[in-house]
């Protein structure tokens, strides 16, 4: 997958991937751990609780 430009794009990729792989269902909660800005090594500084949504 291409690197997302921002965290909103990252969340959309998470939604799409988990739903496409049937690893989650719409409405389930997931925890996303990421770095801001995306793609920068060692920059993990974000924890987001997110409810899966249709993309």
PDB file of N, CA and C in Angstrom:
ATOM      1  N   UNK A   1       0.847  -1.172   0.000  1.00  0.00           N
ATOM      2  CA  UNK A   1       0.000   0.000   0.000  1.00  0.00           C
ATOM      3  C   UNK A   1       0.894   1.237   0.000  1.00  0.00           C
ATOM      4  N   UNK A   2       0.406   2.303  -0.606  1.00  0.00           N
ATOM      5  CA  UNK A   2       1.183   3.542  -0.568  1.00  0.00           C
ATOM      6  C   UNK A   2       1.186   4.127   0.848  1.00  0.00           C
ATOM      7  N   UNK A   3       2.250   4.857   1.167  1.00  0.00           N
ATOM      8  CA  UNK A   3       2.300   5.521   2.465  1.00  0.00           C
ATOM      9  C   UNK A   3       1.256   6.626   2.504  1.00  0.00           C
ATOM     10  N   UNK A   4       0.475   6.689   3.578  1.00  0.00           N
ATOM     11  CA  UNK A   4      -0.542   7.748   3.670  1.00  0.00           C
ATOM     12  C   UNK A   4       0.114   9.109   3.894  1.00  0.00           C
ATOM     13  N   UNK A   5      -0.550  10.152   3.419  1.00  0.00           N
ATOM     14  CA  UNK A   5      -0.047  11.515   3.587  1.00  0.00           C
ATOM     15  C   UNK A   5      -0.383  12.086   4.959  1.00  0.00           C
ATOM     16  N   UNK A   6      -1.411  11.520   5.607  1.00  0.00           N
ATOM     17  CA  UNK A   6      -1.833  12.037   6.908  1.00  0.00           C
ATOM     18  C   UNK A   6      -2.549  10.927   7.671  1.00  0.00           C
ATOM     19  N   UNK A   7      -2.874  11.196   8.918  1.00  0.00           N
ATOM     20  CA  UNK A   7      -3.489  10.155   9.750  1.00  0.00           C
ATOM     21  C   UNK A   7      -4.904   9.798   9.289  1.00  0.00           C
ATOM     22  N   UNK A   8      -5.621  10.735   8.684  1.00  0.00           N
ATOM     23  CA  UNK A   8      -6.956  10.404   8.168  1.00  0.00           C
ATOM     24  C   UNK A   8      -6.866   9.356   7.063  1.00  0.00           C
ATOM     25  N   UNK A   9      -5.871   9.501   6.180  1.00  0.00           N
ATOM     26  CA  UNK A   9      -5.661   8.512   5.125  1.00  0.00           C
ATOM     27  C   UNK A   9      -5.243   7.167   5.723  1.00  0.00           C
ATOM     28  N   UNK A  10      -4.426   7.204   6.754  1.00  0.00           N
ATOM     29  CA  UNK A  10      -4.001   5.982   7.436  1.00  0.00           C
ATOM     30  C   UNK A  10      -5.211   5.224   7.973  1.00  0.00           C
ATOM     31  N   UNK A  11      -6.125   5.932   8.605  1.00  0.00           N
ATOM     32  CA  UNK A  11      -7.321   5.304   9.175  1.00  0.00           C
ATOM     33  C   UNK A  11      -8.172   4.692   8.061  1.00  0.00           C
ATOM     34  N   UNK A  12      -8.300   5.361   6.929  1.00  0.00           N
ATOM     35  CA  UNK A  12      -9.052   4.794   5.799  1.00  0.00           C
ATOM     36  C   UNK A  12      -8.407   3.510   5.303  1.00  0.00           C
ATOM     37  N   UNK A  13      -7.062   3.490   5.259  1.00  0.00           N
ATOM     38  CA  UNK A  13      -6.358   2.277   4.837  1.00  0.00           C
ATOM     39  C   UNK A  13      -6.575   1.144   5.839  1.00  0.00           C
ATOM     40  N   UNK A  14      -6.584   1.465   7.117  1.00  0.00           N
ATOM     41  CA  UNK A  14      -6.845   0.452   8.147  1.00  0.00           C
ATOM     42  C   UNK A  14      -8.245  -0.115   7.960  1.00  0.00           C
ATOM     43  N   UNK A  15      -9.234   0.758   7.794  1.00  0.00           N
ATOM     44  CA  UNK A  15     -10.614   0.300   7.578  1.00  0.00           C
ATOM     45  C   UNK A  15     -10.683  -0.641   6.380  1.00  0.00           C
ATOM     46  N   UNK A  16     -10.151  -0.181   5.250  1.00  0.00           N
ATOM     47  CA  UNK A  16     -10.229  -0.958   4.014  1.00  0.00           C
ATOM     48  C   UNK A  16      -9.541  -2.305   4.187  1.00  0.00           C
ATOM     49  N   UNK A  17      -8.344  -2.293   4.752  1.00  0.00           N
ATOM     50  CA  UNK A  17      -7.562  -3.523   4.885  1.00  0.00           C
ATOM     51  C   UNK A  17      -8.237  -4.540   5.798  1.00  0.00           C
ATOM     52  N   UNK A  18      -8.658  -4.104   6.974  1.00  0.00           N
ATOM     53  CA  UNK A  18      -9.277  -5.034   7.919  1.00  0.00           C
ATOM     54  C   UNK A  18     -10.579  -5.605   7.379  1.00  0.00           C
ATOM     55  N   UNK A  19     -11.376  -4.772   6.724  1.00  0.00           N
ATOM     56  CA  UNK A  19     -12.637  -5.255   6.172  1.00  0.00           C
ATOM     57  C   UNK A  19     -12.395  -6.171   4.970  1.00  0.00           C
ATOM     58  N   UNK A  20     -11.442  -5.814   4.101  1.00  0.00           N
ATOM     59  CA  UNK A  20     -11.149  -6.635   2.925  1.00  0.00           C
ATOM     60  C   UNK A  20     -10.591  -7.999   3.313  1.00  0.00           C
ATOM     61  N   UNK A  21      -9.793  -8.037   4.360  1.00  0.00           N
ATOM     62  CA  UNK A  21      -9.206  -9.297   4.828  1.00  0.00           C
ATOM     63  C   UNK A  21     -10.129 -10.063   5.772  1.00  0.00           C
ATOM     64  N   UNK A  22     -11.317  -9.506   6.012  1.00  0.00           N
ATOM     65  CA  UNK A  22     -12.303 -10.097   6.919  1.00  0.00           C
ATOM     66  C   UNK A  22     -11.715 -10.322   8.308  1.00  0.00           C
ATOM     67  N   UNK A  23     -10.911  -9.358   8.761  1.00  0.00           N
ATOM     68  CA  UNK A  23     -10.310  -9.401  10.096  1.00  0.00           C
ATOM     69  C   UNK A  23     -11.083  -8.527  11.081  1.00  0.00           C
ATOM     70  N   UNK A  24     -12.150  -7.885  10.608  1.00  0.00           N
ATOM     71  CA  UNK A  24     -12.992  -7.058  11.455  1.00  0.00           C
ATOM     72  C   UNK A  24     -14.307  -6.806  10.757  1.00  0.00           C
ATOM     73  N   UNK A  25     -15.266  -6.309  11.514  1.00  0.00           N
ATOM     74  CA  UNK A  25     -16.583  -5.994  10.966  1.00  0.00           C
ATOM     75  C   UNK A  25     -16.907  -4.534  11.247  1.00  0.00           C
ATOM     76  N   UNK A  26     -17.742  -3.956  10.392  1.00  0.00           N
ATOM     77  CA  UNK A  26     -18.160  -2.568  10.581  1.00  0.00           C
ATOM     78  C   UNK A  26     -18.739  -2.413  11.979  1.00  0.00           C
ATOM     79  N   UNK A  27     -18.284  -1.384  12.681  1.00  0.00           N
ATOM     80  CA  UNK A  27     -18.769  -1.102  14.022  1.00  0.00           C
ATOM     81  C   UNK A  27     -17.857  -1.595  15.130  1.00  0.00           C
ATOM     82  N   UNK A  28     -16.927  -2.513  14.814  1.00  0.00           N
ATOM     83  CA  UNK A  28     -15.993  -3.000  15.832  1.00  0.00           C
ATOM     84  C   UNK A  28     -14.943  -1.932  16.122  1.00  0.00           C
ATOM     85  N   UNK A  29     -14.449  -1.959  17.350  1.00  0.00           N
ATOM     86  CA  UNK A  29     -13.385  -1.032  17.739  1.00  0.00           C
ATOM     87  C   UNK A  29     -12.022  -1.663  17.486  1.00  0.00           C
ATOM     88  N   UNK A  30     -11.084  -0.855  17.021  1.00  0.00           N
ATOM     89  CA  UNK A  30      -9.697  -1.265  16.849  1.00  0.00           C
ATOM     90  C   UNK A  30      -8.814  -0.181  17.455  1.00  0.00           C
ATOM     91  N   UNK A  31      -7.605  -0.560  17.804  1.00  0.00           N
ATOM     92  CA  UNK A  31      -6.638   0.404  18.308  1.00  0.00           C
ATOM     93  C   UNK A  31      -5.557   0.560  17.244  1.00  0.00           C
ATOM     94  N   UNK A  32      -5.327   1.789  16.818  1.00  0.00           N
ATOM     95  CA  UNK A  32      -4.319   2.094  15.803  1.00  0.00           C
ATOM     96  C   UNK A  32      -3.164   2.801  16.500  1.00  0.00           C
ATOM     97  N   UNK A  33      -1.976   2.258  16.323  1.00  0.00           N
ATOM     98  CA  UNK A  33      -0.763   2.869  16.870  1.00  0.00           C
ATOM     99  C   UNK A  33       0.050   3.334  15.670  1.00  0.00           C
ATOM    100  N   UNK A  34       0.401   4.612  15.657  1.00  0.00           N
ATOM    101  CA  UNK A  34       1.097   5.175  14.500  1.00  0.00           C
ATOM    102  C   UNK A  34       2.013   6.305  14.923  1.00  0.00           C
ATOM    103  N   UNK A  35       2.759   6.779  13.956  1.00  0.00           N
ATOM    104  CA  UNK A  35       3.629   7.927  14.188  1.00  0.00           C
ATOM    105  C   UNK A  35       3.194   9.098  13.338  1.00  0.00           C
ATOM    106  N   UNK A  36       3.392  10.266  13.855  1.00  0.00           N
ATOM    107  CA  UNK A  36       3.078  11.477  13.113  1.00  0.00           C
ATOM    108  C   UNK A  36       4.347  12.290  13.006  1.00  0.00           C
ATOM    109  N   UNK A  37       4.807  12.606  11.827  1.00  0.00           N
ATOM    110  CA  UNK A  37       4.181  12.340  10.529  1.00  0.00           C
ATOM    111  C   UNK A  37       4.362  10.880  10.115  1.00  0.00           C
ATOM    112  N   UNK A  38       3.410  10.348   9.334  1.00  0.00           N
ATOM    113  CA  UNK A  38       3.504   8.963   8.875  1.00  0.00           C
ATOM    114  C   UNK A  38       4.788   8.737   8.074  1.00  0.00           C
ATOM    115  N   UNK A  39       5.373   7.564   8.262  1.00  0.00           N
ATOM    116  CA  UNK A  39       6.547   7.199   7.497  1.00  0.00           C
ATOM    117  C   UNK A  39       7.871   7.570   8.125  1.00  0.00           C
ATOM    118  N   UNK A  40       7.867   8.346   9.185  1.00  0.00           N
ATOM    119  CA  UNK A  40       9.105   8.742   9.856  1.00  0.00           C
ATOM    120  C   UNK A  40       9.455   7.689  10.904  1.00  0.00           C
ATOM    121  N   UNK A  41      10.614   7.059  10.744  1.00  0.00           N
ATOM    122  CA  UNK A  41      11.031   6.012  11.680  1.00  0.00           C
ATOM    123  C   UNK A  41      11.185   6.569  13.090  1.00  0.00           C
ATOM    124  N   UNK A  42      10.717   5.800  14.085  1.00  0.00           N
ATOM    125  CA  UNK A  42      10.869   6.182  15.482  1.00  0.00           C
ATOM    126  C   UNK A  42       9.943   7.284  15.948  1.00  0.00           C
ATOM    127  N   UNK A  43       8.895   7.559  15.173  1.00  0.00           N
ATOM    128  CA  UNK A  43       8.016   8.676  15.538  1.00  0.00           C
ATOM    129  C   UNK A  43       6.683   8.225  16.130  1.00  0.00           C
ATOM    130  N   UNK A  44       6.610   6.998  16.644  1.00  0.00           N
ATOM    131  CA  UNK A  44       5.350   6.521  17.210  1.00  0.00           C
ATOM    132  C   UNK A  44       4.936   7.419  18.366  1.00  0.00           C
ATOM    133  N   UNK A  45       3.851   8.138  18.162  1.00  0.00           N
ATOM    134  CA  UNK A  45       3.379   9.076  19.172  1.00  0.00           C
ATOM    135  C   UNK A  45       1.860   9.217  19.170  1.00  0.00           C
ATOM    136  N   UNK A  46       1.193   8.278  18.513  1.00  0.00           N
ATOM    137  CA  UNK A  46      -0.256   8.371  18.393  1.00  0.00           C
ATOM    138  C   UNK A  46      -0.900   7.025  18.706  1.00  0.00           C
ATOM    139  N   UNK A  47      -1.897   7.025  19.576  1.00  0.00           N
ATOM    140  CA  UNK A  47      -2.730   5.854  19.821  1.00  0.00           C
ATOM    141  C   UNK A  47      -4.160   6.314  19.608  1.00  0.00           C
ATOM    142  N   UNK A  48      -4.854   5.623  18.727  1.00  0.00           N
ATOM    143  CA  UNK A  48      -6.212   6.050  18.376  1.00  0.00           C
ATOM    144  C   UNK A  48      -7.159   4.865  18.496  1.00  0.00           C
ATOM    145  N   UNK A  49      -8.221   5.017  19.262  1.00  0.00           N
ATOM    146  CA  UNK A  49      -9.282   4.017  19.332  1.00  0.00           C
ATOM    147  C   UNK A  49     -10.289   4.423  18.269  1.00  0.00           C
ATOM    148  N   UNK A  50     -10.575   3.476  17.372  1.00  0.00           N
ATOM    149  CA  UNK A  50     -11.351   3.788  16.170  1.00  0.00           C
ATOM    150  C   UNK A  50     -12.401   2.715  15.952  1.00  0.00           C
ATOM    151  N   UNK A  51     -13.560   3.124  15.487  1.00  0.00           N
ATOM    152  CA  UNK A  51     -14.623   2.184  15.131  1.00  0.00           C
ATOM    153  C   UNK A  51     -14.582   1.976  13.622  1.00  0.00           C
ATOM    154  N   UNK A  52     -14.458   0.711  13.200  1.00  0.00           N
ATOM    155  CA  UNK A  52     -14.390   0.402  11.767  1.00  0.00           C
ATOM    156  C   UNK A  52     -15.632   0.912  11.051  1.00  0.00           C
ATOM    157  N   UNK A  53     -15.389   1.500   9.885  1.00  0.00           N
ATOM    158  CA  UNK A  53     -16.471   2.063   9.089  1.00  0.00           C
ATOM    159  C   UNK A  53     -16.302   1.651   7.647  1.00  0.00           C
ATOM    160  N   UNK A  54     -17.408   1.617   6.901  1.00  0.00           N
ATOM    161  CA  UNK A  54     -17.346   1.327   5.470  1.00  0.00           C
ATOM    162  C   UNK A  54     -16.596   2.445   4.770  1.00  0.00           C
ATOM    163  N   UNK A  55     -15.769   2.064   3.823  1.00  0.00           N
ATOM    164  CA  UNK A  55     -14.950   3.048   3.108  1.00  0.00           C
ATOM    165  C   UNK A  55     -15.595   3.427   1.813  1.00  0.00           C
TER     166      UNK A  55
END
